[in-house]
N, C-alpha and C. Protein backbone atom coordinates (compact mmCIF):
# COMPACT_ATOMS: atom_id res chain seq x y z
N MET A 1 46.53 0.66 -10.33
CA MET A 1 45.47 0.22 -11.22
C MET A 1 44.59 -0.83 -10.55
N ARG A 2 45.20 -1.67 -9.75
CA ARG A 2 44.48 -2.76 -9.11
C ARG A 2 43.47 -2.23 -8.07
N ARG A 3 43.80 -1.17 -7.35
CA ARG A 3 42.92 -0.63 -6.31
C ARG A 3 41.61 -0.08 -6.87
N PRO A 4 41.61 0.72 -7.99
CA PRO A 4 40.34 1.19 -8.55
C PRO A 4 39.43 0.04 -9.01
N VAL A 5 40.02 -1.03 -9.53
CA VAL A 5 39.21 -2.18 -9.96
C VAL A 5 38.56 -2.82 -8.75
N LEU A 6 39.33 -3.02 -7.68
CA LEU A 6 38.80 -3.61 -6.46
C LEU A 6 37.70 -2.73 -5.88
N LEU A 7 37.92 -1.41 -5.85
CA LEU A 7 36.92 -0.48 -5.36
C LEU A 7 35.64 -0.56 -6.19
N THR A 8 35.76 -0.67 -7.49
CA THR A 8 34.59 -0.79 -8.37
C THR A 8 33.82 -2.07 -8.08
N VAL A 9 34.54 -3.18 -7.90
CA VAL A 9 33.89 -4.47 -7.61
C VAL A 9 33.19 -4.42 -6.26
N VAL A 10 33.84 -3.86 -5.24
CA VAL A 10 33.23 -3.76 -3.92
C VAL A 10 32.01 -2.85 -3.96
N THR A 11 32.11 -1.71 -4.64
CA THR A 11 30.97 -0.79 -4.76
C THR A 11 29.80 -1.47 -5.47
N ALA A 12 30.07 -2.19 -6.53
CA ALA A 12 29.00 -2.89 -7.25
C ALA A 12 28.37 -3.95 -6.36
N GLY A 13 29.19 -4.66 -5.58
CA GLY A 13 28.65 -5.68 -4.68
C GLY A 13 27.76 -5.08 -3.61
N VAL A 14 28.19 -3.96 -3.04
CA VAL A 14 27.37 -3.29 -2.03
C VAL A 14 26.05 -2.82 -2.64
N ALA A 15 26.10 -2.26 -3.85
CA ALA A 15 24.88 -1.79 -4.51
C ALA A 15 23.93 -2.95 -4.76
N LEU A 16 24.45 -4.08 -5.21
CA LEU A 16 23.59 -5.25 -5.45
C LEU A 16 23.01 -5.77 -4.15
N ALA A 17 23.80 -5.81 -3.09
CA ALA A 17 23.29 -6.27 -1.80
C ALA A 17 22.21 -5.34 -1.29
N ALA A 18 22.43 -4.04 -1.43
CA ALA A 18 21.42 -3.07 -0.98
C ALA A 18 20.14 -3.22 -1.78
N ALA A 19 20.26 -3.45 -3.07
CA ALA A 19 19.05 -3.63 -3.90
C ALA A 19 18.29 -4.86 -3.48
N GLY A 20 18.99 -5.90 -3.04
CA GLY A 20 18.33 -7.11 -2.60
C GLY A 20 17.69 -6.97 -1.24
N CYS A 21 18.11 -5.99 -0.45
CA CYS A 21 17.59 -5.81 0.90
C CYS A 21 16.50 -4.77 0.99
N GLY A 22 16.13 -4.16 -0.07
CA GLY A 22 15.10 -3.12 0.03
C GLY A 22 14.82 -2.56 -1.33
N GLY A 23 14.85 -1.25 -1.44
CA GLY A 23 14.58 -0.62 -2.72
C GLY A 23 13.17 -0.91 -3.16
N SER A 24 13.03 -1.25 -4.40
CA SER A 24 11.70 -1.51 -4.92
C SER A 24 11.42 -3.00 -4.87
N ALA A 25 11.20 -3.51 -3.68
CA ALA A 25 10.92 -4.92 -3.49
C ALA A 25 9.58 -5.27 -4.09
N ALA A 26 9.52 -6.41 -4.72
CA ALA A 26 8.26 -6.85 -5.31
C ALA A 26 7.39 -7.40 -4.20
N GLY A 27 6.12 -7.15 -4.28
CA GLY A 27 5.19 -7.65 -3.28
C GLY A 27 4.13 -8.50 -3.91
N THR A 28 3.25 -8.97 -3.09
CA THR A 28 2.15 -9.78 -3.55
C THR A 28 0.91 -8.93 -3.58
N ALA A 29 0.22 -8.90 -4.70
CA ALA A 29 -1.02 -8.13 -4.78
C ALA A 29 -2.08 -8.85 -3.97
N VAL A 30 -2.76 -8.10 -3.11
CA VAL A 30 -3.80 -8.67 -2.28
C VAL A 30 -5.13 -8.08 -2.73
N PRO A 31 -6.01 -8.88 -3.34
CA PRO A 31 -7.27 -8.32 -3.81
C PRO A 31 -8.16 -7.93 -2.65
N THR A 32 -8.83 -6.80 -2.80
CA THR A 32 -9.79 -6.38 -1.79
C THR A 32 -11.18 -6.76 -2.26
N ALA A 33 -12.12 -6.73 -1.36
CA ALA A 33 -13.48 -7.11 -1.72
C ALA A 33 -14.06 -6.16 -2.76
N GLY A 34 -13.52 -4.94 -2.86
CA GLY A 34 -14.01 -3.98 -3.82
C GLY A 34 -13.46 -4.21 -5.22
N GLY A 35 -12.62 -5.23 -5.39
CA GLY A 35 -12.11 -5.56 -6.71
C GLY A 35 -10.76 -4.94 -7.01
N ALA A 36 -10.30 -4.00 -6.22
CA ALA A 36 -8.99 -3.40 -6.46
C ALA A 36 -7.94 -4.26 -5.78
N SER A 37 -6.69 -4.05 -6.11
CA SER A 37 -5.64 -4.76 -5.41
C SER A 37 -4.68 -3.76 -4.83
N SER A 38 -4.02 -4.19 -3.77
CA SER A 38 -3.04 -3.29 -3.17
C SER A 38 -1.75 -4.05 -2.99
N ALA A 39 -0.65 -3.44 -3.38
CA ALA A 39 0.64 -4.09 -3.24
C ALA A 39 1.01 -4.07 -1.77
N SER A 40 1.61 -5.14 -1.30
CA SER A 40 1.92 -5.21 0.11
C SER A 40 3.32 -5.75 0.37
N PRO A 41 4.34 -5.13 -0.22
CA PRO A 41 5.67 -5.61 0.10
C PRO A 41 6.05 -5.17 1.50
N THR A 42 6.45 -6.13 2.35
CA THR A 42 6.89 -5.77 3.68
C THR A 42 8.22 -6.46 3.95
N THR A 43 8.99 -5.89 4.85
CA THR A 43 10.27 -6.46 5.22
C THR A 43 10.41 -6.40 6.72
N ALA A 44 11.50 -6.95 7.20
CA ALA A 44 11.77 -6.91 8.63
C ALA A 44 11.95 -5.48 9.12
N ALA A 45 12.25 -4.54 8.22
CA ALA A 45 12.45 -3.15 8.61
C ALA A 45 11.14 -2.46 8.96
N ALA A 46 10.02 -3.01 8.53
CA ALA A 46 8.73 -2.40 8.83
C ALA A 46 8.47 -2.49 10.33
N PRO A 47 7.92 -1.43 10.92
CA PRO A 47 7.68 -1.44 12.36
C PRO A 47 6.60 -2.45 12.73
N GLN A 48 6.68 -2.92 13.94
CA GLN A 48 5.66 -3.84 14.44
C GLN A 48 4.46 -3.01 14.88
N LEU A 49 3.38 -3.16 14.17
CA LEU A 49 2.17 -2.41 14.44
C LEU A 49 0.99 -3.27 14.07
N ASP A 50 0.01 -3.36 14.92
CA ASP A 50 -1.20 -4.09 14.60
C ASP A 50 -2.07 -3.18 13.74
N VAL A 51 -1.99 -3.36 12.42
CA VAL A 51 -2.72 -2.49 11.51
C VAL A 51 -4.23 -2.70 11.60
N CYS A 52 -4.64 -3.75 12.31
CA CYS A 52 -6.07 -3.97 12.53
C CYS A 52 -6.59 -3.22 13.75
N ALA A 53 -5.70 -2.57 14.50
CA ALA A 53 -6.11 -1.90 15.73
C ALA A 53 -5.92 -0.38 15.69
N VAL A 54 -5.57 0.19 14.55
CA VAL A 54 -5.26 1.62 14.52
C VAL A 54 -6.46 2.50 14.15
N LEU A 55 -7.50 1.92 13.60
CA LEU A 55 -8.66 2.73 13.21
C LEU A 55 -9.74 2.67 14.28
N PRO A 56 -10.35 3.81 14.58
CA PRO A 56 -11.39 3.83 15.63
C PRO A 56 -12.69 3.17 15.15
N GLN A 57 -13.23 2.30 16.00
CA GLN A 57 -14.43 1.55 15.65
C GLN A 57 -15.63 2.46 15.40
N ASP A 58 -15.74 3.58 16.13
CA ASP A 58 -16.89 4.46 15.93
C ASP A 58 -16.89 5.07 14.52
N LEU A 59 -15.71 5.42 14.02
CA LEU A 59 -15.61 5.97 12.67
C LEU A 59 -15.92 4.90 11.62
N LEU A 60 -15.40 3.70 11.84
CA LEU A 60 -15.69 2.60 10.92
C LEU A 60 -17.19 2.27 10.93
N SER A 61 -17.79 2.25 12.11
CA SER A 61 -19.23 1.97 12.22
C SER A 61 -20.06 3.00 11.48
N SER A 62 -19.63 4.27 11.54
CA SER A 62 -20.37 5.33 10.84
C SER A 62 -20.33 5.13 9.33
N MET A 63 -19.37 4.33 8.86
CA MET A 63 -19.27 4.02 7.43
C MET A 63 -19.96 2.71 7.09
N GLY A 64 -20.64 2.09 8.07
CA GLY A 64 -21.33 0.82 7.85
C GLY A 64 -20.43 -0.38 8.01
N LEU A 65 -19.30 -0.21 8.70
CA LEU A 65 -18.33 -1.30 8.87
C LEU A 65 -18.28 -1.72 10.33
N ALA A 66 -19.30 -2.42 10.77
CA ALA A 66 -19.39 -2.85 12.16
C ALA A 66 -18.73 -4.21 12.39
N ASN A 67 -18.47 -4.97 11.32
CA ASN A 67 -17.85 -6.28 11.46
C ASN A 67 -16.39 -6.15 11.88
N PRO A 68 -15.86 -7.16 12.56
CA PRO A 68 -14.43 -7.11 12.93
C PRO A 68 -13.56 -7.14 11.67
N PRO A 69 -12.35 -6.60 11.78
CA PRO A 69 -11.47 -6.59 10.61
C PRO A 69 -10.96 -7.99 10.28
N GLN A 70 -10.54 -8.14 9.04
CA GLN A 70 -9.95 -9.39 8.58
C GLN A 70 -8.46 -9.15 8.38
N LYS A 71 -7.63 -9.91 9.09
CA LYS A 71 -6.17 -9.83 8.93
C LYS A 71 -5.81 -10.51 7.62
N LEU A 72 -5.10 -9.80 6.76
CA LEU A 72 -4.69 -10.34 5.46
C LEU A 72 -3.20 -10.66 5.49
N ALA A 73 -2.71 -11.21 4.42
CA ALA A 73 -1.29 -11.56 4.31
C ALA A 73 -0.42 -10.32 4.52
N GLY A 74 0.75 -10.54 5.04
CA GLY A 74 1.67 -9.43 5.28
C GLY A 74 1.17 -8.56 6.40
N ASN A 75 1.39 -7.29 6.29
CA ASN A 75 0.99 -6.33 7.30
C ASN A 75 -0.22 -5.56 6.79
N ASN A 76 -1.31 -6.29 6.50
CA ASN A 76 -2.51 -5.73 5.90
C ASN A 76 -3.75 -6.14 6.69
N CYS A 77 -4.72 -5.26 6.72
CA CYS A 77 -5.98 -5.52 7.40
C CYS A 77 -7.11 -4.92 6.57
N GLU A 78 -8.29 -5.53 6.63
CA GLU A 78 -9.40 -5.06 5.81
C GLU A 78 -10.72 -5.12 6.58
N TRP A 79 -11.54 -4.09 6.39
CA TRP A 79 -12.89 -4.03 6.93
C TRP A 79 -13.85 -4.00 5.75
N SER A 80 -14.88 -4.82 5.82
CA SER A 80 -15.91 -4.81 4.78
C SER A 80 -17.25 -5.11 5.42
N GLY A 81 -18.28 -4.82 4.70
CA GLY A 81 -19.62 -5.08 5.19
C GLY A 81 -20.60 -5.00 4.05
N PRO A 82 -21.81 -5.48 4.27
CA PRO A 82 -22.81 -5.42 3.21
C PRO A 82 -23.15 -3.96 2.89
N ASN A 83 -23.22 -3.66 1.62
CA ASN A 83 -23.57 -2.31 1.16
C ASN A 83 -22.68 -1.22 1.75
N ALA A 84 -21.39 -1.51 1.88
CA ALA A 84 -20.45 -0.54 2.45
C ALA A 84 -19.16 -0.53 1.64
N ASP A 85 -18.46 0.59 1.71
CA ASP A 85 -17.14 0.67 1.11
C ASP A 85 -16.21 -0.31 1.83
N VAL A 86 -15.10 -0.63 1.21
CA VAL A 86 -14.09 -1.48 1.83
C VAL A 86 -12.95 -0.57 2.27
N VAL A 87 -12.48 -0.79 3.49
CA VAL A 87 -11.36 -0.02 4.04
C VAL A 87 -10.24 -1.00 4.34
N SER A 88 -9.02 -0.62 3.99
CA SER A 88 -7.88 -1.45 4.33
C SER A 88 -6.74 -0.58 4.84
N THR A 89 -5.93 -1.17 5.70
CA THR A 89 -4.73 -0.51 6.21
C THR A 89 -3.54 -1.43 5.93
N SER A 90 -2.37 -0.82 5.78
CA SER A 90 -1.17 -1.62 5.55
C SER A 90 0.07 -0.80 5.88
N ILE A 91 1.14 -1.52 6.12
CA ILE A 91 2.47 -0.93 6.21
C ILE A 91 3.29 -1.65 5.16
N ALA A 92 3.97 -0.88 4.34
CA ALA A 92 4.76 -1.48 3.27
C ALA A 92 6.07 -0.73 3.10
N GLN A 93 7.03 -1.40 2.48
CA GLN A 93 8.33 -0.78 2.27
C GLN A 93 8.39 -0.16 0.89
N TYR A 94 8.11 1.12 0.86
CA TYR A 94 8.33 1.97 -0.30
C TYR A 94 8.33 3.41 0.20
N ALA A 95 9.04 4.24 -0.49
CA ALA A 95 9.11 5.65 -0.10
C ALA A 95 7.80 6.34 -0.46
N LEU A 96 7.47 7.37 0.29
CA LEU A 96 6.27 8.15 0.00
C LEU A 96 6.33 8.64 -1.44
N GLY A 97 5.29 8.41 -2.19
CA GLY A 97 5.24 8.82 -3.59
C GLY A 97 5.78 7.76 -4.54
N LYS A 98 6.26 6.65 -4.03
CA LYS A 98 6.83 5.58 -4.85
C LYS A 98 6.01 4.31 -4.76
N ARG A 99 4.72 4.45 -4.48
CA ARG A 99 3.83 3.30 -4.34
C ARG A 99 3.79 2.50 -5.65
N PRO A 100 3.96 1.18 -5.55
CA PRO A 100 3.80 0.34 -6.74
C PRO A 100 2.35 0.43 -7.24
N ASP A 101 2.16 0.31 -8.53
CA ASP A 101 0.82 0.38 -9.12
C ASP A 101 0.61 -0.81 -10.06
N PRO A 102 0.57 -2.04 -9.49
CA PRO A 102 0.46 -3.22 -10.35
C PRO A 102 -0.85 -3.30 -11.12
N SER A 103 -1.90 -2.66 -10.62
CA SER A 103 -3.18 -2.72 -11.31
C SER A 103 -3.31 -1.67 -12.40
N GLY A 104 -2.37 -0.73 -12.47
CA GLY A 104 -2.43 0.31 -13.48
C GLY A 104 -3.52 1.33 -13.23
N ALA A 105 -3.86 1.57 -11.97
CA ALA A 105 -4.93 2.51 -11.62
C ALA A 105 -4.53 3.96 -11.89
N ASN A 106 -3.24 4.25 -11.95
CA ASN A 106 -2.72 5.59 -12.21
C ASN A 106 -3.41 6.68 -11.38
N PRO A 107 -3.28 6.61 -10.05
CA PRO A 107 -3.94 7.61 -9.22
C PRO A 107 -3.28 8.98 -9.35
N THR A 108 -4.08 10.02 -9.12
CA THR A 108 -3.52 11.37 -9.01
C THR A 108 -3.12 11.56 -7.56
N SER A 109 -2.08 12.35 -7.33
CA SER A 109 -1.63 12.52 -5.95
C SER A 109 -1.61 13.99 -5.56
N SER A 110 -1.88 14.22 -4.28
CA SER A 110 -1.86 15.56 -3.70
C SER A 110 -1.14 15.47 -2.36
N PRO A 111 -0.17 16.35 -2.10
CA PRO A 111 0.54 16.30 -0.82
C PRO A 111 -0.36 16.72 0.34
N LEU A 112 -0.14 16.09 1.48
CA LEU A 112 -0.87 16.38 2.72
C LEU A 112 0.11 16.35 3.88
N THR A 113 -0.34 16.84 5.00
CA THR A 113 0.34 16.61 6.27
C THR A 113 -0.70 16.03 7.20
N ILE A 114 -0.38 14.87 7.77
CA ILE A 114 -1.27 14.22 8.74
C ILE A 114 -0.51 14.21 10.06
N GLY A 115 -1.01 14.97 11.04
CA GLY A 115 -0.26 15.11 12.28
C GLY A 115 1.07 15.74 11.95
N GLY A 116 2.15 15.11 12.35
CA GLY A 116 3.48 15.60 12.03
C GLY A 116 4.13 14.86 10.88
N HIS A 117 3.36 14.03 10.18
CA HIS A 117 3.91 13.21 9.10
C HIS A 117 3.59 13.77 7.72
N LYS A 118 4.55 13.65 6.81
CA LYS A 118 4.27 13.94 5.40
C LYS A 118 3.36 12.83 4.88
N ALA A 119 2.44 13.21 3.99
CA ALA A 119 1.49 12.23 3.47
C ALA A 119 1.12 12.60 2.04
N LEU A 120 0.47 11.66 1.38
CA LEU A 120 -0.06 11.87 0.03
C LEU A 120 -1.48 11.34 -0.03
N LEU A 121 -2.33 12.07 -0.71
CA LEU A 121 -3.67 11.59 -1.03
C LEU A 121 -3.61 11.07 -2.46
N LEU A 122 -3.96 9.81 -2.64
CA LEU A 122 -3.92 9.17 -3.96
C LEU A 122 -5.35 8.80 -4.35
N LYS A 123 -5.82 9.38 -5.43
CA LYS A 123 -7.21 9.18 -5.86
C LYS A 123 -7.21 8.57 -7.27
N SER A 124 -7.98 7.48 -7.43
CA SER A 124 -8.10 6.84 -8.73
C SER A 124 -9.57 6.71 -9.10
N ASP A 125 -9.99 7.51 -10.07
CA ASP A 125 -11.38 7.40 -10.55
C ASP A 125 -11.61 6.04 -11.20
N ALA A 126 -10.61 5.53 -11.94
CA ALA A 126 -10.74 4.26 -12.64
C ALA A 126 -10.97 3.10 -11.67
N ALA A 127 -10.30 3.12 -10.53
CA ALA A 127 -10.42 2.04 -9.56
C ALA A 127 -11.43 2.35 -8.45
N ALA A 128 -11.98 3.57 -8.45
CA ALA A 128 -12.92 4.02 -7.42
C ALA A 128 -12.29 3.89 -6.02
N THR A 129 -11.03 4.35 -5.92
CA THR A 129 -10.32 4.27 -4.65
C THR A 129 -9.77 5.63 -4.26
N CYS A 130 -9.59 5.78 -2.96
CA CYS A 130 -8.90 6.93 -2.42
C CYS A 130 -8.03 6.42 -1.28
N ASP A 131 -6.79 6.84 -1.28
CA ASP A 131 -5.80 6.30 -0.38
C ASP A 131 -5.02 7.44 0.25
N VAL A 132 -4.72 7.32 1.52
CA VAL A 132 -3.80 8.25 2.17
C VAL A 132 -2.59 7.44 2.59
N ASP A 133 -1.43 7.80 2.03
CA ASP A 133 -0.16 7.20 2.40
C ASP A 133 0.55 8.15 3.36
N ILE A 134 1.04 7.62 4.48
CA ILE A 134 1.74 8.41 5.48
C ILE A 134 3.17 7.89 5.60
N ALA A 135 4.14 8.78 5.44
CA ALA A 135 5.55 8.39 5.56
C ALA A 135 5.89 8.14 7.02
N LEU A 136 6.38 6.93 7.29
CA LEU A 136 6.87 6.62 8.64
C LEU A 136 8.38 6.71 8.68
N ALA A 137 9.02 6.45 7.57
CA ALA A 137 10.48 6.55 7.42
C ALA A 137 10.74 6.81 5.95
N SER A 138 12.00 6.92 5.59
CA SER A 138 12.33 7.23 4.19
C SER A 138 11.85 6.15 3.23
N ASP A 139 11.69 4.91 3.71
CA ASP A 139 11.26 3.82 2.83
C ASP A 139 10.14 2.98 3.42
N ILE A 140 9.40 3.52 4.39
CA ILE A 140 8.28 2.79 4.99
C ILE A 140 7.06 3.69 5.02
N THR A 141 5.95 3.17 4.53
CA THR A 141 4.72 3.94 4.41
C THR A 141 3.54 3.18 5.01
N PHE A 142 2.73 3.90 5.77
CA PHE A 142 1.46 3.38 6.28
C PHE A 142 0.38 3.89 5.35
N SER A 143 -0.60 3.04 5.06
CA SER A 143 -1.64 3.40 4.11
C SER A 143 -3.03 3.09 4.64
N VAL A 144 -3.96 4.00 4.36
CA VAL A 144 -5.39 3.77 4.58
C VAL A 144 -6.05 3.90 3.21
N LEU A 145 -6.66 2.82 2.75
CA LEU A 145 -7.28 2.78 1.43
C LEU A 145 -8.78 2.59 1.57
N VAL A 146 -9.55 3.43 0.88
CA VAL A 146 -11.00 3.28 0.83
C VAL A 146 -11.37 2.94 -0.61
N THR A 147 -12.03 1.80 -0.78
CA THR A 147 -12.52 1.38 -2.09
C THR A 147 -14.03 1.52 -2.08
N ALA A 148 -14.54 2.40 -2.92
CA ALA A 148 -15.98 2.68 -2.95
C ALA A 148 -16.74 1.48 -3.49
N GLN A 149 -17.90 1.25 -2.93
CA GLN A 149 -18.73 0.14 -3.41
C GLN A 149 -19.39 0.49 -4.73
N ASP A 150 -19.64 1.79 -4.97
CA ASP A 150 -20.27 2.20 -6.23
C ASP A 150 -20.10 3.71 -6.43
N ALA A 151 -20.67 4.21 -7.50
CA ALA A 151 -20.54 5.64 -7.84
C ALA A 151 -21.19 6.55 -6.80
N LYS A 152 -22.17 6.05 -6.07
CA LYS A 152 -22.83 6.88 -5.06
C LYS A 152 -21.93 7.13 -3.85
N THR A 153 -21.12 6.16 -3.48
CA THR A 153 -20.28 6.33 -2.29
C THR A 153 -18.89 6.87 -2.63
N TYR A 154 -18.50 6.83 -3.90
CA TYR A 154 -17.15 7.28 -4.29
C TYR A 154 -16.85 8.74 -3.95
N PRO A 155 -17.78 9.69 -4.11
CA PRO A 155 -17.44 11.08 -3.79
C PRO A 155 -16.98 11.30 -2.34
N ALA A 156 -17.39 10.45 -1.42
CA ALA A 156 -16.99 10.60 -0.02
C ALA A 156 -15.75 9.79 0.34
N ALA A 157 -15.23 9.00 -0.60
CA ALA A 157 -14.11 8.10 -0.29
C ALA A 157 -12.88 8.85 0.22
N CYS A 158 -12.53 9.96 -0.39
CA CYS A 158 -11.33 10.70 0.05
C CYS A 158 -11.53 11.35 1.42
N ASP A 159 -12.73 11.85 1.67
CA ASP A 159 -13.00 12.40 3.00
C ASP A 159 -12.87 11.32 4.06
N HIS A 160 -13.36 10.12 3.75
CA HIS A 160 -13.26 9.00 4.70
C HIS A 160 -11.80 8.58 4.89
N ALA A 161 -11.04 8.49 3.79
CA ALA A 161 -9.64 8.09 3.89
C ALA A 161 -8.85 9.10 4.74
N LYS A 162 -9.09 10.39 4.53
CA LYS A 162 -8.39 11.42 5.32
C LYS A 162 -8.78 11.36 6.79
N ALA A 163 -10.07 11.18 7.08
CA ALA A 163 -10.53 11.10 8.47
C ALA A 163 -9.94 9.87 9.17
N LEU A 164 -9.91 8.74 8.48
CA LEU A 164 -9.35 7.52 9.06
C LEU A 164 -7.85 7.66 9.29
N ALA A 165 -7.14 8.23 8.33
CA ALA A 165 -5.69 8.41 8.46
C ALA A 165 -5.37 9.36 9.61
N THR A 166 -6.15 10.43 9.74
CA THR A 166 -5.96 11.39 10.83
C THR A 166 -6.19 10.72 12.18
N ALA A 167 -7.21 9.86 12.26
CA ALA A 167 -7.49 9.15 13.51
C ALA A 167 -6.41 8.12 13.83
N ALA A 168 -5.81 7.51 12.81
CA ALA A 168 -4.78 6.49 13.02
C ALA A 168 -3.42 7.09 13.37
N GLU A 169 -3.15 8.28 12.89
CA GLU A 169 -1.81 8.88 13.01
C GLU A 169 -1.23 8.88 14.42
N PRO A 170 -1.97 9.23 15.47
CA PRO A 170 -1.37 9.22 16.81
C PRO A 170 -0.90 7.82 17.25
N LYS A 171 -1.42 6.77 16.67
CA LYS A 171 -1.05 5.41 17.04
C LYS A 171 0.14 4.89 16.22
N LEU A 172 0.56 5.64 15.22
CA LEU A 172 1.64 5.17 14.35
C LEU A 172 2.98 5.32 15.05
N PRO A 173 3.85 4.34 14.87
CA PRO A 173 5.17 4.42 15.50
C PRO A 173 6.06 5.44 14.81
N LEU A 174 6.99 5.96 15.55
CA LEU A 174 8.01 6.82 14.97
C LEU A 174 9.16 5.91 14.56
N VAL A 175 9.47 5.92 13.29
CA VAL A 175 10.53 5.08 12.75
C VAL A 175 11.60 6.01 12.20
N SER A 176 12.83 5.73 12.50
CA SER A 176 13.89 6.60 11.98
C SER A 176 14.55 5.99 10.78
């Protein structure tokens, strides 16, 4: 009788420790210039990647983003410019399809493949955003988010997010 109780206590302890080391870790919402926020929980398990160096400058320039990127808290980077959409990249600890939604944008999702990676296209009409999340590992996701400046630029936001994610994919680390 004593052994099953000990096993139950040990199993519960391991489960609590695992929950504290990952799972659905709470992050800090980082507001973008477009008014939307993006959750950015990161941990030591996230790969070391300069998220400000993965997008090609020529593609960003074609979107009116000629200014250098701004490094944000955590593993986040943002490009903005006058009369242009806002683009951000990040690496965060959540499984593909399990993105936190603290702003309540309720995006619709569509599966994609970017290079050899599973990915999701997340589109939110309410937030005027389009995001491509790329699975790097079972609980680590790289994201390219485009926040439209207005209704005129929003129809192209998903095309831009897909093009940027496709251009970034060869630079993404392989994480097991």
